[in-house]
Amino acid sequence: MMHGYFCVVVGAAAGQSDLPYVWNQATIEAKAIIVFLIFFSIVAWSVIGYKVLQMRRAKRLNYYFNEEFRAQKSVMEIFDRKLQVEGCPLYEVYQTACVQMDARLRGPGGERHKQTVSIKNMEHIKRAIENVVAQESLKLEAGLIWLSVAASGAPFIGLLGTVWGVMSAFAGIAQAGSATLAAMAPGVAAALITTVAGLLVAIPSMFGYNWLVHNLRTFTVGLDNFAQELVSKLESEFLGDDSP
C-alpha cells in the first residue's frame, strides 16, 4: 500500500519537485501556519546567532580582563588607571565593587583619605556586587525565552496544521463521494508539510537553547567565583577591625 501511495504522489506531481507540489496542494490555513513558522524560524536563528556572538565576545573579554586583574598589585589598580572594558561581565562586577569602595574611602572633600572601611560598609559593597552579578546573568539570558517557545511550541503549531489539513482533506473526499488513494494522497501530503515545518523550527531551537543554557551556567559560575575572589581581596586590603 505504501508503494502505491508513493506512486500516486509521484504521478500527481509529475513535472514538479516535491515541495512546490505540496505547497500548491496545501490549504490557506496550512500556508498561513507555514509562513508563521518560517517567521518563527528566522527569529530563532537570529537569537541563536546573536547570543553565540555575545557569549563568545564576553568569554574573550573575560579572559583578557581576568589576566589583567591577576597581574595587578593592588585590587583597585585597574580602577585607578580608569581602564574601560565595555561588554565584559567581569569588568562590570569589578567596576561596581571599586566604585562602591572608592565612595567609602573618600572624605567630604573628595580625597581618598581613608585606608579601611567598616564591616557594615563591606556588607553594602557585597550586596552591590551580588546585584550586578545577577544583572549580568540576566543580560546573557535575555532572548533565550524565544528559543524555549520555539522548541516547545513549533511542533504543536505544525501538528495543528496537519490535523486541520487532514480534516479538510477528508471533508473534501466526503463531499466528492470518492475515497480513492489518488484523491486522498495530495491532501494528506499537503497536511503533513506543516508538521515537517514545525520540526524544522523546533529541532535547531532545542539544540541551540540547550547549548546556550549550558554556556550561561558556565558564565554564571565564573561570575560568582570572580565575585567571591574580589570580595576576599577587598576584605584583605580594606576591611578594618570594628571589634573593641
Protein backbone atom coordinates (compact mmCIF):
# COMPACT_ATOMS: atom_id res chain seq x y z
CA MET A 1 0.00 0.00 0.00
CA MET A 2 2.88 2.37 0.81
CA HIS A 3 4.35 1.65 -2.62
CA GLY A 4 1.03 2.60 -4.17
CA TYR A 5 0.88 5.78 -2.11
CA PHE A 6 4.27 6.96 -3.32
CA CYS A 7 3.39 6.08 -6.90
CA VAL A 8 0.25 8.19 -6.66
CA VAL A 9 2.11 11.16 -5.20
CA VAL A 10 4.93 10.95 -7.75
CA GLY A 11 2.48 10.58 -10.61
CA ALA A 12 0.40 13.55 -9.49
CA ALA A 13 3.48 15.69 -9.01
CA ALA A 14 5.00 14.87 -12.39
CA GLY A 15 6.91 17.84 -13.71
CA GLN A 16 7.18 19.46 -10.25
CA SER A 17 9.53 18.92 -7.34
CA ASP A 18 8.01 17.72 -4.07
CA LEU A 19 7.85 20.96 -2.10
CA PRO A 20 6.24 23.20 -4.78
CA TYR A 21 3.66 20.50 -5.48
CA VAL A 22 2.81 20.00 -1.81
CA TRP A 23 2.68 23.79 -1.31
CA ASN A 24 0.20 24.12 -4.18
CA GLN A 25 -1.98 21.41 -2.65
CA ALA A 26 -1.92 22.95 0.85
CA THR A 27 -4.94 24.80 2.19
CA ILE A 28 -4.90 28.50 3.02
CA GLU A 29 -4.74 27.66 6.73
CA ALA A 30 -1.72 25.39 6.23
CA LYS A 31 0.06 28.06 4.17
CA ALA A 32 -0.58 30.64 6.88
CA ILE A 33 0.85 28.30 9.52
CA ILE A 34 3.92 27.59 7.38
CA VAL A 35 4.54 31.32 6.85
CA PHE A 36 4.23 31.87 10.60
CA LEU A 37 6.70 29.04 11.27
CA ILE A 38 9.14 30.49 8.74
CA PHE A 39 8.98 33.82 10.58
CA PHE A 40 9.46 31.99 13.88
CA SER A 41 12.46 30.16 12.41
CA ILE A 42 14.05 33.46 11.36
CA VAL A 43 13.57 34.82 14.88
CA ALA A 44 15.04 31.66 16.44
CA TRP A 45 18.12 31.63 14.21
CA SER A 46 18.62 35.36 14.79
CA VAL A 47 18.56 34.82 18.55
CA ILE A 48 20.98 31.89 18.28
CA GLY A 49 23.41 33.87 16.14
CA TYR A 50 23.26 36.96 18.35
CA LYS A 51 23.68 35.01 21.61
CA VAL A 52 26.58 32.97 20.23
CA LEU A 53 28.41 36.15 19.22
CA GLN A 54 27.56 37.83 22.53
CA MET A 55 28.82 34.92 24.62
CA ARG A 56 31.97 34.46 22.59
CA ARG A 57 32.79 38.15 22.92
CA ALA A 58 32.06 38.09 26.66
CA LYS A 59 34.23 34.98 27.08
CA ARG A 60 37.13 36.58 25.23
CA LEU A 61 36.87 39.85 27.17
CA ASN A 62 36.56 37.96 30.49
CA TYR A 63 39.75 36.08 29.73
CA TYR A 64 41.77 39.22 28.98
CA PHE A 65 40.34 41.12 31.93
CA ASN A 66 40.97 38.23 34.31
CA GLU A 67 44.62 38.11 33.19
CA GLU A 68 44.95 41.86 33.83
CA PHE A 69 43.17 41.58 37.18
CA ARG A 70 45.51 38.88 38.46
CA ALA A 71 48.59 40.82 37.32
CA GLN A 72 47.76 43.95 39.35
CA LYS A 73 49.42 44.59 42.71
CA SER A 74 46.52 46.42 44.34
CA VAL A 75 42.90 45.35 43.99
CA MET A 76 41.88 48.83 42.78
CA GLU A 77 44.81 49.41 40.44
CA ILE A 78 42.77 48.90 37.26
CA PHE A 79 40.08 51.23 38.62
CA ASP A 80 42.63 53.94 39.43
CA ARG A 81 44.01 53.66 35.89
CA LYS A 82 40.45 54.33 34.63
CA LEU A 83 40.61 51.34 32.30
CA GLN A 84 37.36 50.78 30.34
CA VAL A 85 36.31 47.34 29.07
CA GLU A 86 32.84 47.65 27.56
CA GLY A 87 30.81 44.47 27.27
CA CYS A 88 32.90 42.49 29.75
CA PRO A 89 30.81 40.95 32.57
CA LEU A 90 33.80 40.58 34.92
CA TYR A 91 34.69 44.23 34.40
CA GLU A 92 31.16 45.33 35.28
CA VAL A 93 31.36 43.38 38.56
CA TYR A 94 34.81 44.79 39.30
CA GLN A 95 33.85 48.36 38.37
CA THR A 96 30.78 48.32 40.62
CA ALA A 97 32.79 46.99 43.56
CA CYS A 98 35.51 49.60 43.09
CA VAL A 99 33.05 52.47 42.72
CA GLN A 100 31.36 51.45 45.96
CA MET A 101 34.69 51.05 47.76
CA ASP A 102 36.06 54.33 46.40
CA ALA A 103 32.97 56.23 47.59
CA ARG A 104 33.53 54.93 51.14
CA LEU A 105 37.23 55.70 51.17
CA ARG A 106 36.81 59.34 50.16
CA GLY A 107 36.09 62.14 52.59
CA PRO A 108 33.78 65.15 52.26
CA GLY A 109 36.36 66.98 50.17
CA GLY A 110 36.62 64.18 47.64
CA GLU A 111 40.07 62.97 48.69
CA ARG A 112 40.67 59.31 49.37
CA HIS A 113 41.93 59.76 52.91
CA LYS A 114 40.66 56.53 54.49
CA GLN A 115 42.62 53.30 54.37
CA THR A 116 39.94 50.93 55.66
CA VAL A 117 36.17 50.51 55.75
CA SER A 118 33.88 49.03 58.38
CA ILE A 119 32.23 45.61 58.26
CA LYS A 120 28.88 47.33 57.67
CA ASN A 121 30.25 49.17 54.63
CA MET A 122 31.76 45.95 53.32
CA GLU A 123 28.34 44.27 53.56
CA HIS A 124 26.86 47.05 51.43
CA ILE A 125 29.61 46.50 48.86
CA LYS A 126 28.89 42.75 48.84
CA ARG A 127 25.21 43.36 48.16
CA ALA A 128 26.10 45.72 45.30
CA ILE A 129 28.36 43.04 43.82
CA GLU A 130 25.64 40.39 44.13
CA ASN A 131 23.19 42.71 42.40
CA VAL A 132 25.47 43.38 39.41
CA VAL A 133 26.26 39.63 39.10
CA ALA A 134 22.52 38.97 38.82
CA GLN A 135 22.13 41.78 36.27
CA GLU A 136 24.96 40.48 34.08
CA SER A 137 23.49 36.97 34.19
CA LEU A 138 20.11 38.35 33.10
CA LYS A 139 21.75 40.21 30.21
CA LEU A 140 23.26 36.99 28.93
CA GLU A 141 19.97 35.15 29.46
CA ALA A 142 17.85 37.74 27.64
CA GLY A 143 16.25 36.34 24.48
CA LEU A 144 16.52 32.66 25.39
CA ILE A 145 12.78 32.56 26.06
CA TRP A 146 12.19 32.78 22.30
CA LEU A 147 14.20 29.62 21.73
CA SER A 148 12.32 27.86 24.51
CA VAL A 149 8.98 28.86 22.99
CA ALA A 150 10.12 27.79 19.51
CA ALA A 151 11.39 24.41 20.71
CA SER A 152 8.26 23.60 22.68
CA GLY A 153 5.56 25.34 20.64
CA ALA A 154 6.55 24.89 16.99
CA PRO A 155 5.78 21.12 16.84
CA PHE A 156 2.29 21.71 18.23
CA ILE A 157 1.64 24.52 15.75
CA GLY A 158 2.76 22.20 12.97
CA LEU A 159 0.58 19.41 14.32
CA LEU A 160 -2.37 21.80 14.39
CA GLY A 161 -1.83 22.48 10.70
CA THR A 162 -1.58 18.76 9.93
CA VAL A 163 -4.77 17.88 11.80
CA TRP A 164 -6.55 20.79 10.16
CA GLY A 165 -5.29 19.73 6.71
CA VAL A 166 -6.28 16.09 7.19
CA MET A 167 -9.71 17.19 8.37
CA SER A 168 -10.12 19.35 5.27
CA ALA A 169 -8.92 16.51 3.04
CA PHE A 170 -11.41 14.03 4.46
CA ALA A 171 -14.18 16.62 4.28
CA GLY A 172 -13.41 17.16 0.60
CA ILE A 173 -13.41 13.41 -0.05
CA ALA A 174 -16.75 13.04 1.72
CA GLN A 175 -18.28 15.82 -0.36
CA ALA A 176 -16.89 14.38 -3.60
CA GLY A 177 -18.02 10.87 -2.70
CA SER A 178 -14.68 9.39 -3.78
CA ALA A 179 -12.38 7.65 -1.30
CA THR A 180 -9.62 6.53 -3.66
CA LEU A 181 -5.98 6.86 -2.72
CA ALA A 182 -5.46 9.22 -5.63
CA ALA A 183 -7.99 11.61 -4.10
CA MET A 184 -6.62 11.31 -0.56
CA ALA A 185 -2.86 11.41 -1.14
CA PRO A 186 -2.42 15.07 -2.25
CA GLY A 187 -4.44 16.45 0.68
CA VAL A 188 -2.70 14.26 3.27
CA ALA A 189 0.75 15.07 1.85
CA ALA A 190 -0.06 18.77 1.95
CA ALA A 191 -1.28 18.44 5.54
CA LEU A 192 1.91 16.72 6.70
CA ILE A 193 4.12 19.56 5.50
CA THR A 194 3.13 21.73 8.47
CA THR A 195 4.42 19.08 10.89
CA VAL A 196 7.68 18.97 8.94
CA ALA A 197 7.91 22.77 9.13
CA GLY A 198 7.26 22.70 12.88
CA LEU A 199 10.01 20.14 13.46
CA LEU A 200 12.45 22.10 11.29
CA VAL A 201 11.88 25.06 13.60
CA ALA A 202 11.87 23.11 16.88
CA ILE A 203 14.94 20.89 16.42
CA PRO A 204 17.55 23.66 15.84
CA SER A 205 15.89 25.77 18.55
CA MET A 206 16.14 22.92 21.05
CA PHE A 207 19.82 22.25 20.36
CA GLY A 208 20.63 25.97 20.35
CA TYR A 209 18.74 26.56 23.60
CA ASN A 210 20.48 23.69 25.41
CA TRP A 211 23.91 24.81 24.22
CA LEU A 212 23.30 28.41 25.24
CA VAL A 213 21.90 27.43 28.66
CA HIS A 214 24.99 25.29 29.31
CA ASN A 215 27.27 28.21 28.44
CA LEU A 216 25.14 30.58 30.50
CA ARG A 217 25.56 28.36 33.57
CA THR A 218 29.31 28.34 32.99
CA PHE A 219 29.33 32.14 32.78
CA THR A 220 27.23 32.47 35.92
CA VAL A 221 29.54 30.18 37.90
CA GLY A 222 32.52 32.16 36.62
CA LEU A 223 30.90 35.44 37.69
CA ASP A 224 30.11 34.06 41.15
CA ASN A 225 33.65 32.77 41.62
CA PHE A 226 35.14 36.08 40.49
CA ALA A 227 32.81 38.00 42.80
CA GLN A 228 33.86 35.89 45.78
CA GLU A 229 37.53 36.32 44.94
CA LEU A 230 37.05 40.07 44.53
CA VAL A 231 35.29 40.36 47.88
CA SER A 232 38.05 38.37 49.54
CA LYS A 233 40.74 40.68 48.15
CA LEU A 234 38.77 43.80 49.12
CA GLU A 235 38.38 42.50 52.66
CA SER A 236 42.06 41.63 52.92
CA GLU A 237 43.13 45.07 51.75
CA PHE A 238 40.49 47.45 53.09
CA LEU A 239 38.47 45.82 55.87
CA GLY A 240 39.11 47.43 59.24
CA ASP A 241 38.76 45.91 62.68
CA ASP A 242 35.47 47.00 64.29
CA SER A 243 35.99 44.97 67.45
CA PRO A 244 36.54 46.87 70.74
